[in-house]
N, C-alpha and C. Protein backbone atom coordinates (compact mmCIF):
# COMPACT_ATOMS: atom_id res chain seq x y z
N MET A 1 27.55 26.17 3.82
CA MET A 1 27.38 25.29 4.98
C MET A 1 27.21 26.06 6.28
N SER A 2 27.62 27.33 6.31
CA SER A 2 27.52 28.09 7.55
C SER A 2 26.07 28.20 8.02
N ARG A 3 25.13 28.29 7.05
CA ARG A 3 23.71 28.39 7.42
C ARG A 3 23.23 27.11 8.09
N PHE A 4 23.72 25.97 7.57
CA PHE A 4 23.33 24.69 8.17
C PHE A 4 23.93 24.55 9.57
N ALA A 5 25.19 24.99 9.71
CA ALA A 5 25.83 24.93 11.03
C ALA A 5 25.08 25.82 12.02
N GLN A 6 24.65 26.99 11.56
CA GLN A 6 23.87 27.87 12.43
C GLN A 6 22.56 27.21 12.84
N GLY A 7 21.98 26.46 11.90
CA GLY A 7 20.76 25.74 12.21
C GLY A 7 20.96 24.70 13.28
N VAL A 8 22.09 24.00 13.23
CA VAL A 8 22.39 22.99 14.25
C VAL A 8 22.55 23.66 15.61
N VAL A 9 23.25 24.77 15.63
CA VAL A 9 23.45 25.50 16.89
C VAL A 9 22.10 25.96 17.46
N LYS A 10 21.23 26.47 16.59
CA LYS A 10 19.91 26.91 17.05
C LYS A 10 19.11 25.73 17.59
N PHE A 11 19.20 24.58 16.89
CA PHE A 11 18.51 23.38 17.37
C PHE A 11 18.99 23.01 18.76
N GLN A 12 20.30 22.99 18.94
CA GLN A 12 20.86 22.58 20.23
C GLN A 12 20.50 23.56 21.35
N ARG A 13 20.47 24.84 21.03
CA ARG A 13 20.26 25.86 22.07
C ARG A 13 18.78 26.15 22.33
N GLU A 14 17.93 26.06 21.29
CA GLU A 14 16.55 26.50 21.43
C GLU A 14 15.52 25.37 21.26
N VAL A 15 15.67 24.55 20.23
CA VAL A 15 14.66 23.53 19.93
C VAL A 15 14.78 22.34 20.87
N TYR A 16 15.99 21.80 20.99
CA TYR A 16 16.17 20.60 21.82
C TYR A 16 15.71 20.80 23.26
N PRO A 17 16.07 21.90 23.92
CA PRO A 17 15.62 22.06 25.31
C PRO A 17 14.10 22.00 25.47
N GLU A 18 13.36 22.51 24.48
CA GLU A 18 11.90 22.48 24.57
C GLU A 18 11.34 21.08 24.40
N LYS A 19 12.08 20.21 23.70
CA LYS A 19 11.61 18.86 23.42
C LYS A 19 12.53 17.80 24.03
N GLN A 20 13.23 18.17 25.08
CA GLN A 20 14.22 17.25 25.65
C GLN A 20 13.60 15.94 26.10
N LYS A 21 12.43 15.99 26.74
CA LYS A 21 11.79 14.76 27.20
C LYS A 21 11.44 13.84 26.04
N LEU A 22 10.98 14.44 24.93
CA LEU A 22 10.67 13.64 23.74
C LEU A 22 11.91 12.93 23.23
N PHE A 23 13.02 13.66 23.10
CA PHE A 23 14.24 13.05 22.58
C PHE A 23 14.80 12.01 23.54
N GLU A 24 14.67 12.23 24.83
CA GLU A 24 15.14 11.24 25.80
C GLU A 24 14.33 9.96 25.69
N ARG A 25 13.01 10.13 25.46
CA ARG A 25 12.16 8.94 25.29
C ARG A 25 12.51 8.22 23.99
N LEU A 26 12.75 8.98 22.92
CA LEU A 26 13.09 8.37 21.64
C LEU A 26 14.44 7.66 21.68
N SER A 27 15.31 8.08 22.58
CA SER A 27 16.62 7.43 22.66
C SER A 27 16.53 5.98 23.12
N THR A 28 15.38 5.60 23.66
CA THR A 28 15.21 4.22 24.13
C THR A 28 14.55 3.31 23.10
N GLY A 29 14.09 3.88 21.97
CA GLY A 29 13.47 3.06 20.93
C GLY A 29 12.49 3.87 20.11
N GLN A 30 11.96 3.23 19.07
CA GLN A 30 11.02 3.92 18.19
C GLN A 30 9.81 3.06 17.91
N SER A 31 8.68 3.72 17.68
CA SER A 31 7.44 3.03 17.33
C SER A 31 6.65 3.91 16.37
N PRO A 32 7.13 4.04 15.13
CA PRO A 32 6.49 4.95 14.16
C PRO A 32 5.09 4.46 13.79
N GLU A 33 4.24 5.41 13.44
CA GLU A 33 2.88 5.06 13.02
C GLU A 33 2.82 4.74 11.54
N ALA A 34 3.75 5.28 10.76
CA ALA A 34 3.69 5.06 9.31
C ALA A 34 5.08 4.96 8.71
N LEU A 35 5.21 4.07 7.72
CA LEU A 35 6.34 4.07 6.80
C LEU A 35 5.97 5.01 5.68
N PHE A 36 6.70 6.09 5.51
CA PHE A 36 6.38 7.14 4.56
C PHE A 36 7.40 7.10 3.43
N ILE A 37 6.96 6.68 2.25
CA ILE A 37 7.84 6.56 1.09
C ILE A 37 7.55 7.72 0.15
N THR A 38 8.53 8.57 -0.05
CA THR A 38 8.32 9.74 -0.90
C THR A 38 9.57 10.03 -1.71
N CYS A 39 9.52 11.10 -2.47
CA CYS A 39 10.61 11.46 -3.38
C CYS A 39 11.75 12.16 -2.63
N SER A 40 12.93 12.09 -3.20
CA SER A 40 14.08 12.78 -2.62
C SER A 40 14.04 14.28 -2.84
N ASP A 41 13.13 14.75 -3.66
CA ASP A 41 13.03 16.17 -4.01
C ASP A 41 13.13 17.05 -2.76
N SER A 42 13.98 18.07 -2.83
CA SER A 42 14.24 18.93 -1.67
C SER A 42 13.03 19.75 -1.24
N ARG A 43 12.03 19.83 -2.12
CA ARG A 43 10.84 20.63 -1.80
C ARG A 43 9.81 19.87 -0.98
N ILE A 44 10.05 18.61 -0.73
CA ILE A 44 9.11 17.78 0.02
C ILE A 44 9.57 17.72 1.47
N GLU A 45 8.86 18.38 2.35
CA GLU A 45 9.18 18.40 3.77
C GLU A 45 8.12 17.58 4.51
N THR A 46 8.46 16.34 4.79
CA THR A 46 7.46 15.39 5.29
C THR A 46 6.86 15.82 6.63
N ALA A 47 7.69 16.28 7.55
CA ALA A 47 7.19 16.66 8.88
C ALA A 47 6.27 17.88 8.78
N MET A 48 6.59 18.80 7.88
CA MET A 48 5.76 19.99 7.72
C MET A 48 4.41 19.62 7.12
N ILE A 49 4.44 18.77 6.09
CA ILE A 49 3.20 18.38 5.42
C ILE A 49 2.28 17.63 6.36
N THR A 50 2.83 16.70 7.13
CA THR A 50 2.01 15.85 8.00
C THR A 50 1.90 16.37 9.43
N GLN A 51 2.65 17.42 9.75
CA GLN A 51 2.64 17.98 11.10
C GLN A 51 2.93 16.90 12.14
N THR A 52 4.01 16.18 11.91
CA THR A 52 4.41 15.11 12.81
C THR A 52 5.67 15.48 13.59
N GLU A 53 5.85 14.78 14.70
CA GLU A 53 7.02 14.95 15.55
C GLU A 53 8.05 13.87 15.23
N PRO A 54 9.30 14.06 15.65
CA PRO A 54 10.29 12.99 15.51
C PRO A 54 9.78 11.69 16.14
N GLY A 55 10.02 10.60 15.44
CA GLY A 55 9.60 9.29 15.95
C GLY A 55 8.29 8.80 15.40
N GLU A 56 7.55 9.66 14.69
CA GLU A 56 6.23 9.26 14.20
C GLU A 56 6.24 8.71 12.78
N LEU A 57 7.25 9.08 11.97
CA LEU A 57 7.36 8.59 10.60
C LEU A 57 8.68 7.87 10.40
N PHE A 58 8.63 6.72 9.75
CA PHE A 58 9.82 6.00 9.29
C PHE A 58 9.91 6.30 7.80
N ILE A 59 10.90 7.09 7.40
CA ILE A 59 10.89 7.70 6.08
C ILE A 59 11.91 7.05 5.14
N CYS A 60 11.43 6.71 3.93
CA CYS A 60 12.30 6.25 2.85
C CYS A 60 12.11 7.20 1.67
N ARG A 61 13.22 7.71 1.15
CA ARG A 61 13.14 8.67 0.05
C ARG A 61 14.04 8.23 -1.09
N ASN A 62 13.55 8.40 -2.30
CA ASN A 62 14.35 8.14 -3.48
C ASN A 62 13.74 8.88 -4.67
N ALA A 63 14.45 8.93 -5.77
CA ALA A 63 13.95 9.61 -6.96
C ALA A 63 12.68 8.91 -7.45
N GLY A 64 11.56 9.62 -7.40
CA GLY A 64 10.32 9.09 -7.95
C GLY A 64 9.47 8.29 -6.98
N ASN A 65 9.80 8.32 -5.67
CA ASN A 65 9.07 7.54 -4.66
C ASN A 65 8.75 6.14 -5.17
N ILE A 66 9.81 5.45 -5.58
CA ILE A 66 9.69 4.15 -6.23
C ILE A 66 9.93 3.01 -5.24
N VAL A 67 9.17 1.94 -5.40
CA VAL A 67 9.35 0.70 -4.64
C VAL A 67 9.61 -0.41 -5.65
N PRO A 68 10.85 -0.86 -5.81
CA PRO A 68 11.09 -1.96 -6.75
C PRO A 68 10.34 -3.21 -6.31
N PRO A 69 9.80 -3.98 -7.25
CA PRO A 69 9.18 -5.25 -6.88
C PRO A 69 10.19 -6.13 -6.15
N HIS A 70 9.70 -6.99 -5.26
CA HIS A 70 10.60 -7.81 -4.47
C HIS A 70 11.35 -8.81 -5.34
N THR A 71 12.65 -8.92 -5.08
CA THR A 71 13.48 -9.97 -5.67
C THR A 71 14.40 -10.48 -4.57
N ASN A 72 15.21 -11.47 -4.89
CA ASN A 72 16.17 -11.98 -3.91
C ASN A 72 17.42 -11.12 -3.82
N GLN A 73 17.50 -10.09 -4.65
CA GLN A 73 18.63 -9.17 -4.60
C GLN A 73 18.35 -8.09 -3.55
N THR A 74 19.21 -8.00 -2.57
CA THR A 74 19.01 -7.03 -1.50
C THR A 74 19.31 -5.62 -1.97
N GLY A 75 18.42 -4.70 -1.63
CA GLY A 75 18.61 -3.29 -1.92
C GLY A 75 18.16 -2.47 -0.73
N GLY A 76 18.46 -1.18 -0.75
CA GLY A 76 18.12 -0.32 0.37
C GLY A 76 16.63 -0.25 0.64
N MET A 77 15.82 -0.13 -0.41
CA MET A 77 14.38 -0.06 -0.22
C MET A 77 13.84 -1.37 0.32
N THR A 78 14.29 -2.48 -0.25
CA THR A 78 13.82 -3.79 0.19
C THR A 78 14.13 -4.02 1.66
N ALA A 79 15.35 -3.71 2.07
CA ALA A 79 15.75 -3.92 3.46
C ALA A 79 14.97 -3.00 4.40
N SER A 80 14.77 -1.76 3.98
CA SER A 80 14.05 -0.80 4.83
C SER A 80 12.60 -1.21 5.02
N ILE A 81 11.95 -1.65 3.95
CA ILE A 81 10.56 -2.11 4.04
C ILE A 81 10.47 -3.33 4.94
N GLU A 82 11.39 -4.25 4.77
CA GLU A 82 11.39 -5.47 5.59
C GLU A 82 11.55 -5.12 7.07
N PHE A 83 12.44 -4.21 7.38
CA PHE A 83 12.65 -3.82 8.77
C PHE A 83 11.44 -3.08 9.32
N ALA A 84 10.91 -2.16 8.53
CA ALA A 84 9.78 -1.35 8.99
C ALA A 84 8.57 -2.21 9.33
N ILE A 85 8.26 -3.18 8.47
CA ILE A 85 7.06 -3.99 8.66
C ILE A 85 7.35 -5.25 9.46
N GLY A 86 8.49 -5.89 9.19
CA GLY A 86 8.80 -7.15 9.86
C GLY A 86 9.30 -6.98 11.28
N ALA A 87 10.02 -5.89 11.55
CA ALA A 87 10.60 -5.68 12.88
C ALA A 87 9.83 -4.64 13.70
N LEU A 88 9.57 -3.49 13.09
CA LEU A 88 8.90 -2.42 13.82
C LEU A 88 7.38 -2.57 13.85
N ARG A 89 6.85 -3.43 12.97
CA ARG A 89 5.39 -3.68 12.91
C ARG A 89 4.61 -2.38 12.66
N ILE A 90 5.09 -1.56 11.78
CA ILE A 90 4.42 -0.30 11.47
C ILE A 90 3.08 -0.58 10.81
N PRO A 91 2.00 0.07 11.26
CA PRO A 91 0.67 -0.29 10.78
C PRO A 91 0.20 0.41 9.50
N HIS A 92 0.93 1.41 9.03
CA HIS A 92 0.52 2.13 7.82
C HIS A 92 1.72 2.35 6.91
N ILE A 93 1.48 2.25 5.60
CA ILE A 93 2.50 2.60 4.61
C ILE A 93 1.90 3.61 3.65
N VAL A 94 2.56 4.75 3.51
CA VAL A 94 2.12 5.81 2.59
C VAL A 94 3.15 5.92 1.47
N VAL A 95 2.69 5.86 0.23
CA VAL A 95 3.52 6.21 -0.92
C VAL A 95 3.03 7.57 -1.40
N CYS A 96 3.90 8.57 -1.33
CA CYS A 96 3.50 9.95 -1.61
C CYS A 96 4.28 10.51 -2.80
N GLY A 97 3.58 10.73 -3.92
CA GLY A 97 4.16 11.41 -5.05
C GLY A 97 3.96 12.91 -4.93
N HIS A 98 4.44 13.67 -5.90
CA HIS A 98 4.29 15.13 -5.82
C HIS A 98 4.33 15.76 -7.20
N THR A 99 3.76 16.95 -7.30
CA THR A 99 3.78 17.69 -8.56
C THR A 99 5.19 18.18 -8.88
N GLU A 100 5.39 18.51 -10.13
CA GLU A 100 6.69 19.01 -10.62
C GLU A 100 7.81 18.02 -10.33
N CYS A 101 7.51 16.74 -10.46
CA CYS A 101 8.49 15.70 -10.14
C CYS A 101 9.43 15.47 -11.31
N GLY A 102 10.70 15.78 -11.11
CA GLY A 102 11.69 15.60 -12.16
C GLY A 102 11.86 14.15 -12.56
N ALA A 103 11.72 13.24 -11.58
CA ALA A 103 11.86 11.81 -11.89
C ALA A 103 10.77 11.36 -12.85
N MET A 104 9.53 11.82 -12.62
CA MET A 104 8.44 11.42 -13.51
C MET A 104 8.58 12.06 -14.89
N LYS A 105 9.12 13.28 -14.93
CA LYS A 105 9.40 13.88 -16.24
C LYS A 105 10.45 13.05 -16.97
N GLY A 106 11.43 12.57 -16.23
CA GLY A 106 12.44 11.70 -16.83
C GLY A 106 11.87 10.37 -17.27
N ALA A 107 10.93 9.82 -16.49
CA ALA A 107 10.31 8.55 -16.84
C ALA A 107 9.55 8.64 -18.15
N MET A 108 9.03 9.83 -18.46
CA MET A 108 8.31 10.04 -19.71
C MET A 108 9.25 10.02 -20.92
N ASN A 109 10.54 10.20 -20.66
CA ASN A 109 11.51 10.25 -21.76
C ASN A 109 12.83 9.63 -21.31
N ARG A 110 12.78 8.33 -21.02
CA ARG A 110 13.98 7.65 -20.52
C ARG A 110 15.08 7.61 -21.57
N GLU A 111 14.70 7.69 -22.86
CA GLU A 111 15.71 7.67 -23.93
C GLU A 111 16.63 8.88 -23.83
N GLY A 112 16.15 9.96 -23.22
CA GLY A 112 16.96 11.16 -23.08
C GLY A 112 17.90 11.13 -21.89
N LEU A 113 17.96 10.00 -21.19
CA LEU A 113 18.79 9.91 -19.98
C LEU A 113 20.03 9.06 -20.20
N THR A 114 20.55 9.08 -21.43
CA THR A 114 21.71 8.24 -21.73
C THR A 114 22.93 8.61 -20.91
N ASN A 115 23.01 9.88 -20.50
CA ASN A 115 24.16 10.31 -19.69
C ASN A 115 23.93 10.06 -18.20
N LEU A 116 22.77 9.53 -17.84
CA LEU A 116 22.46 9.17 -16.46
C LEU A 116 21.95 7.73 -16.44
N PRO A 117 22.84 6.78 -16.69
CA PRO A 117 22.41 5.39 -16.89
C PRO A 117 21.73 4.76 -15.68
N HIS A 118 22.17 5.11 -14.47
CA HIS A 118 21.56 4.53 -13.28
C HIS A 118 20.16 5.11 -13.05
N VAL A 119 20.00 6.41 -13.32
CA VAL A 119 18.68 7.03 -13.22
C VAL A 119 17.74 6.40 -14.25
N ARG A 120 18.24 6.21 -15.45
CA ARG A 120 17.42 5.61 -16.51
C ARG A 120 16.95 4.22 -16.10
N GLU A 121 17.83 3.42 -15.55
CA GLU A 121 17.45 2.07 -15.14
C GLU A 121 16.47 2.11 -13.97
N TRP A 122 16.72 3.00 -13.00
CA TRP A 122 15.85 3.11 -11.83
C TRP A 122 14.43 3.47 -12.22
N LEU A 123 14.29 4.39 -13.17
CA LEU A 123 12.98 4.84 -13.58
C LEU A 123 12.23 3.79 -14.40
N GLY A 124 12.92 2.71 -14.75
CA GLY A 124 12.23 1.59 -15.38
C GLY A 124 11.17 1.00 -14.47
N TYR A 125 11.30 1.19 -13.16
CA TYR A 125 10.30 0.70 -12.22
C TYR A 125 9.00 1.51 -12.28
N ALA A 126 9.02 2.59 -13.04
CA ALA A 126 7.81 3.38 -13.25
C ALA A 126 7.24 3.20 -14.66
N GLN A 127 7.84 2.32 -15.45
CA GLN A 127 7.46 2.18 -16.85
C GLN A 127 6.00 1.75 -17.01
N GLY A 128 5.51 0.92 -16.10
CA GLY A 128 4.11 0.50 -16.18
C GLY A 128 3.16 1.67 -16.12
N ALA A 129 3.48 2.65 -15.27
CA ALA A 129 2.65 3.84 -15.15
C ALA A 129 2.71 4.67 -16.43
N VAL A 130 3.91 4.78 -17.00
CA VAL A 130 4.07 5.50 -18.27
C VAL A 130 3.24 4.84 -19.36
N ASP A 131 3.27 3.52 -19.41
CA ASP A 131 2.52 2.79 -20.43
C ASP A 131 1.02 3.01 -20.28
N ILE A 132 0.54 3.07 -19.04
CA ILE A 132 -0.89 3.33 -18.81
C ILE A 132 -1.28 4.69 -19.34
N VAL A 133 -0.47 5.69 -19.05
CA VAL A 133 -0.76 7.05 -19.52
C VAL A 133 -0.78 7.10 -21.05
N GLU A 134 0.18 6.44 -21.67
CA GLU A 134 0.23 6.43 -23.12
C GLU A 134 -0.97 5.70 -23.72
N ALA A 135 -1.49 4.70 -23.01
CA ALA A 135 -2.60 3.90 -23.52
C ALA A 135 -3.94 4.59 -23.37
N ILE A 136 -4.15 5.28 -22.25
CA ILE A 136 -5.50 5.82 -21.99
C ILE A 136 -5.53 7.36 -21.92
N GLY A 137 -4.38 7.99 -22.09
CA GLY A 137 -4.35 9.45 -21.96
C GLY A 137 -4.09 10.18 -23.25
N ALA A 138 -4.44 9.56 -24.38
CA ALA A 138 -4.10 10.15 -25.69
C ALA A 138 -4.69 11.54 -25.88
N GLY A 139 -5.90 11.79 -25.38
CA GLY A 139 -6.54 13.07 -25.61
C GLY A 139 -6.26 14.13 -24.57
N LEU A 140 -5.37 13.84 -23.65
CA LEU A 140 -5.11 14.76 -22.55
C LEU A 140 -4.01 15.76 -22.91
N SER A 141 -4.02 16.90 -22.21
CA SER A 141 -2.95 17.88 -22.36
C SER A 141 -1.69 17.36 -21.67
N PRO A 142 -0.53 17.93 -21.96
CA PRO A 142 0.69 17.49 -21.28
C PRO A 142 0.57 17.59 -19.76
N GLU A 143 -0.08 18.64 -19.26
CA GLU A 143 -0.25 18.80 -17.82
C GLU A 143 -1.13 17.70 -17.24
N GLU A 144 -2.20 17.37 -17.96
CA GLU A 144 -3.11 16.31 -17.51
C GLU A 144 -2.43 14.95 -17.56
N LYS A 145 -1.62 14.73 -18.58
CA LYS A 145 -0.88 13.47 -18.67
C LYS A 145 0.10 13.32 -17.50
N MET A 146 0.76 14.43 -17.15
CA MET A 146 1.70 14.36 -16.03
C MET A 146 0.97 14.08 -14.73
N ARG A 147 -0.17 14.71 -14.53
CA ARG A 147 -0.94 14.44 -13.32
C ARG A 147 -1.35 12.97 -13.27
N MET A 148 -1.80 12.44 -14.40
CA MET A 148 -2.16 11.03 -14.45
C MET A 148 -0.96 10.15 -14.13
N LEU A 149 0.21 10.53 -14.65
CA LEU A 149 1.41 9.74 -14.39
C LEU A 149 1.76 9.74 -12.92
N LEU A 150 1.68 10.91 -12.28
CA LEU A 150 1.97 10.98 -10.85
C LEU A 150 1.07 10.01 -10.08
N GLU A 151 -0.21 10.00 -10.42
CA GLU A 151 -1.17 9.14 -9.72
C GLU A 151 -0.95 7.67 -10.06
N GLN A 152 -0.76 7.37 -11.34
CA GLN A 152 -0.57 5.98 -11.74
C GLN A 152 0.73 5.42 -11.20
N ASN A 153 1.75 6.27 -11.07
CA ASN A 153 3.01 5.78 -10.49
C ASN A 153 2.83 5.40 -9.03
N VAL A 154 2.08 6.20 -8.27
CA VAL A 154 1.82 5.85 -6.87
C VAL A 154 1.07 4.53 -6.80
N ILE A 155 0.05 4.36 -7.64
CA ILE A 155 -0.72 3.11 -7.63
C ILE A 155 0.18 1.93 -7.99
N LEU A 156 1.07 2.12 -8.96
CA LEU A 156 2.00 1.06 -9.36
C LEU A 156 2.93 0.69 -8.23
N GLN A 157 3.47 1.68 -7.52
CA GLN A 157 4.39 1.39 -6.42
C GLN A 157 3.66 0.70 -5.26
N LEU A 158 2.38 1.02 -5.06
CA LEU A 158 1.60 0.29 -4.06
C LEU A 158 1.48 -1.18 -4.46
N ALA A 159 1.30 -1.43 -5.75
CA ALA A 159 1.25 -2.82 -6.23
C ALA A 159 2.59 -3.51 -6.00
N HIS A 160 3.69 -2.81 -6.26
CA HIS A 160 5.01 -3.38 -6.01
C HIS A 160 5.19 -3.71 -4.53
N LEU A 161 4.67 -2.85 -3.66
CA LEU A 161 4.77 -3.11 -2.22
C LEU A 161 4.18 -4.45 -1.86
N ARG A 162 3.08 -4.81 -2.49
CA ARG A 162 2.38 -6.05 -2.16
C ARG A 162 3.20 -7.29 -2.50
N THR A 163 4.26 -7.13 -3.33
CA THR A 163 5.12 -8.28 -3.66
C THR A 163 6.15 -8.56 -2.59
N HIS A 164 6.34 -7.64 -1.65
CA HIS A 164 7.34 -7.83 -0.59
C HIS A 164 6.74 -8.75 0.48
N PRO A 165 7.44 -9.84 0.81
CA PRO A 165 6.86 -10.86 1.70
C PRO A 165 6.34 -10.31 3.02
N THR A 166 7.09 -9.43 3.68
CA THR A 166 6.62 -8.92 4.97
C THR A 166 5.34 -8.12 4.82
N VAL A 167 5.23 -7.39 3.73
CA VAL A 167 4.02 -6.61 3.47
C VAL A 167 2.86 -7.54 3.14
N ALA A 168 3.13 -8.54 2.30
CA ALA A 168 2.08 -9.49 1.93
C ALA A 168 1.51 -10.20 3.16
N VAL A 169 2.39 -10.61 4.06
CA VAL A 169 1.94 -11.28 5.30
C VAL A 169 1.13 -10.32 6.15
N ALA A 170 1.63 -9.09 6.33
CA ALA A 170 0.92 -8.11 7.16
C ALA A 170 -0.44 -7.76 6.57
N LEU A 171 -0.54 -7.69 5.25
CA LEU A 171 -1.82 -7.44 4.60
C LEU A 171 -2.79 -8.60 4.85
N ALA A 172 -2.27 -9.81 4.75
CA ALA A 172 -3.11 -10.99 4.99
C ALA A 172 -3.61 -11.04 6.43
N GLN A 173 -2.76 -10.59 7.34
CA GLN A 173 -3.12 -10.56 8.76
C GLN A 173 -3.88 -9.29 9.15
N LYS A 174 -4.05 -8.38 8.17
CA LYS A 174 -4.75 -7.11 8.38
C LYS A 174 -4.10 -6.27 9.48
N THR A 175 -2.76 -6.30 9.50
CA THR A 175 -2.01 -5.50 10.47
C THR A 175 -1.35 -4.29 9.83
N VAL A 176 -1.54 -4.11 8.53
CA VAL A 176 -0.99 -2.95 7.84
C VAL A 176 -1.99 -2.47 6.80
N GLN A 177 -2.01 -1.16 6.58
CA GLN A 177 -2.85 -0.55 5.55
C GLN A 177 -1.97 0.26 4.61
N LEU A 178 -2.30 0.22 3.32
CA LEU A 178 -1.55 0.95 2.31
C LEU A 178 -2.30 2.21 1.90
N HIS A 179 -1.56 3.29 1.65
CA HIS A 179 -2.14 4.58 1.32
C HIS A 179 -1.36 5.21 0.18
N GLY A 180 -2.06 5.77 -0.79
CA GLY A 180 -1.44 6.47 -1.89
C GLY A 180 -1.80 7.95 -1.86
N TRP A 181 -0.80 8.83 -1.88
CA TRP A 181 -1.01 10.27 -1.81
C TRP A 181 -0.27 10.97 -2.95
N VAL A 182 -0.77 12.13 -3.33
CA VAL A 182 -0.04 13.05 -4.21
C VAL A 182 -0.10 14.44 -3.59
N TYR A 183 1.05 15.04 -3.41
CA TYR A 183 1.19 16.36 -2.80
C TYR A 183 1.42 17.41 -3.88
N ASP A 184 0.64 18.48 -3.83
CA ASP A 184 0.78 19.59 -4.77
C ASP A 184 1.66 20.67 -4.13
N ILE A 185 2.85 20.86 -4.66
CA ILE A 185 3.81 21.80 -4.08
C ILE A 185 3.26 23.22 -4.07
N LYS A 186 2.64 23.64 -5.17
CA LYS A 186 2.20 25.03 -5.30
C LYS A 186 1.03 25.36 -4.39
N SER A 187 0.04 24.46 -4.30
CA SER A 187 -1.18 24.75 -3.53
C SER A 187 -1.14 24.22 -2.11
N GLY A 188 -0.25 23.26 -1.83
CA GLY A 188 -0.24 22.62 -0.52
C GLY A 188 -1.29 21.53 -0.39
N GLY A 189 -2.05 21.28 -1.44
CA GLY A 189 -3.09 20.26 -1.39
C GLY A 189 -2.52 18.85 -1.41
N VAL A 190 -3.24 17.94 -0.80
CA VAL A 190 -2.88 16.52 -0.83
C VAL A 190 -4.11 15.73 -1.21
N THR A 191 -3.99 14.91 -2.25
CA THR A 191 -5.07 14.00 -2.61
C THR A 191 -4.66 12.59 -2.25
N ALA A 192 -5.67 11.76 -1.96
CA ALA A 192 -5.42 10.38 -1.55
C ALA A 192 -6.22 9.44 -2.43
N PHE A 193 -5.68 8.28 -2.69
CA PHE A 193 -6.36 7.30 -3.54
C PHE A 193 -7.40 6.56 -2.73
N ASP A 194 -8.65 6.62 -3.21
CA ASP A 194 -9.75 5.88 -2.60
C ASP A 194 -9.89 4.58 -3.38
N GLU A 195 -9.33 3.50 -2.82
CA GLU A 195 -9.27 2.23 -3.54
C GLU A 195 -10.67 1.68 -3.80
N ALA A 196 -11.60 1.87 -2.87
CA ALA A 196 -12.95 1.33 -3.04
C ALA A 196 -13.64 1.95 -4.25
N ARG A 197 -13.41 3.25 -4.46
CA ARG A 197 -14.05 3.95 -5.58
C ARG A 197 -13.12 4.12 -6.77
N GLU A 198 -11.88 3.70 -6.61
CA GLU A 198 -10.87 3.81 -7.66
C GLU A 198 -10.76 5.24 -8.18
N THR A 199 -10.65 6.17 -7.25
CA THR A 199 -10.53 7.58 -7.62
C THR A 199 -9.68 8.32 -6.60
N TRP A 200 -9.24 9.53 -6.97
CA TRP A 200 -8.43 10.37 -6.09
C TRP A 200 -9.30 11.47 -5.52
N VAL A 201 -9.22 11.66 -4.22
CA VAL A 201 -10.05 12.67 -3.54
C VAL A 201 -9.17 13.45 -2.56
N PRO A 202 -9.61 14.64 -2.14
CA PRO A 202 -8.84 15.38 -1.12
C PRO A 202 -8.66 14.54 0.14
N VAL A 203 -7.54 14.74 0.80
CA VAL A 203 -7.20 13.89 1.95
C VAL A 203 -8.24 13.99 3.06
N ASP A 204 -8.86 15.17 3.23
CA ASP A 204 -9.87 15.29 4.28
C ASP A 204 -11.14 14.52 3.95
N GLU A 205 -11.41 14.31 2.67
CA GLU A 205 -12.54 13.48 2.26
C GLU A 205 -12.22 12.01 2.42
N ARG A 206 -11.02 11.63 2.01
CA ARG A 206 -10.62 10.21 2.10
C ARG A 206 -10.61 9.72 3.54
N TYR A 207 -10.21 10.58 4.47
CA TYR A 207 -10.09 10.17 5.87
C TYR A 207 -11.12 10.87 6.75
N ALA A 208 -12.27 11.18 6.19
CA ALA A 208 -13.31 11.91 6.93
C ALA A 208 -13.70 11.18 8.20
N ALA A 209 -13.88 9.87 8.14
CA ALA A 209 -14.30 9.10 9.32
C ALA A 209 -13.22 9.14 10.39
N ASP A 210 -11.97 9.01 9.99
CA ASP A 210 -10.86 9.04 10.95
C ASP A 210 -10.75 10.42 11.60
N LEU A 211 -10.91 11.47 10.79
CA LEU A 211 -10.82 12.82 11.32
C LEU A 211 -11.96 13.10 12.30
N ALA A 212 -13.16 12.61 12.00
CA ALA A 212 -14.30 12.80 12.90
C ALA A 212 -14.08 12.07 14.22
N GLU A 213 -13.54 10.86 14.13
CA GLU A 213 -13.26 10.09 15.35
C GLU A 213 -12.21 10.79 16.21
N ALA A 214 -11.17 11.32 15.56
CA ALA A 214 -10.13 12.02 16.30
C ALA A 214 -10.68 13.27 16.97
N ALA A 215 -11.58 13.97 16.28
CA ALA A 215 -12.19 15.17 16.85
C ALA A 215 -13.02 14.83 18.08
N LEU A 216 -13.74 13.72 18.02
CA LEU A 216 -14.54 13.29 19.17
C LEU A 216 -13.65 12.94 20.36
N GLU A 217 -12.51 12.29 20.07
CA GLU A 217 -11.58 11.93 21.14
C GLU A 217 -10.99 13.18 21.79
N ARG A 218 -10.64 14.18 20.97
CA ARG A 218 -10.12 15.42 21.52
C ARG A 218 -11.17 16.12 22.38
N HIS A 219 -12.41 16.10 21.91
CA HIS A 219 -13.49 16.74 22.67
C HIS A 219 -13.70 16.03 24.01
N ALA A 220 -13.62 14.70 23.99
CA ALA A 220 -13.80 13.94 25.22
C ALA A 220 -12.69 14.23 26.21
N CYS A 221 -11.49 14.43 25.69
CA CYS A 221 -10.36 14.70 26.59
C CYS A 221 -10.45 16.08 27.23
N THR A 222 -11.05 17.02 26.52
CA THR A 222 -11.12 18.38 27.04
C THR A 222 -12.41 18.65 27.82
N ALA A 223 -13.35 17.73 27.72
CA ALA A 223 -14.65 17.93 28.39
C ALA A 223 -14.51 17.75 29.90
């Protein structure tokens, strides 16, 4: 813990003073641009991957970046989604899976999780993705099957998101957009689901128009 305590001291002495105005502004409220749902895995550093500042992402993390379908039973994910979309009016939701995901490896063999009953039950929310891989991935290598599972799980969780009333309303009103990503820990690559083409492409290809528009805006500001 001494290393973490040293980190806090460094933050207070060096980082905070440089960003004091930002933190003072954030103390009055928040207006995140995206609800970012990803895995609890310690190797996933959301701010580093997205190069965002405090206040820009509303983050929900759990084993397997899972979104349970909506029910009348209140849970942490359900309440967080409702608050993010119903109260904060966040305009984007990203579900981000990642390579080397222990939860997805567990989902492939839930029978082996008898000593982790809550994990086994939780990963049942990914069973649809497992079934898809088993149905259409018979000729694939284990590595290819896992990659397919990572992608199919993100697509499944996006479908689960649509069952949440606040999300369904926001989608109908076109005030929110859903995004599916997979992050590669080893390479640093991020692929995004292109719903129109039903395929996964590099993030710079998926958002080429947005990136070009942002570049034009930056050029206009500096001109």
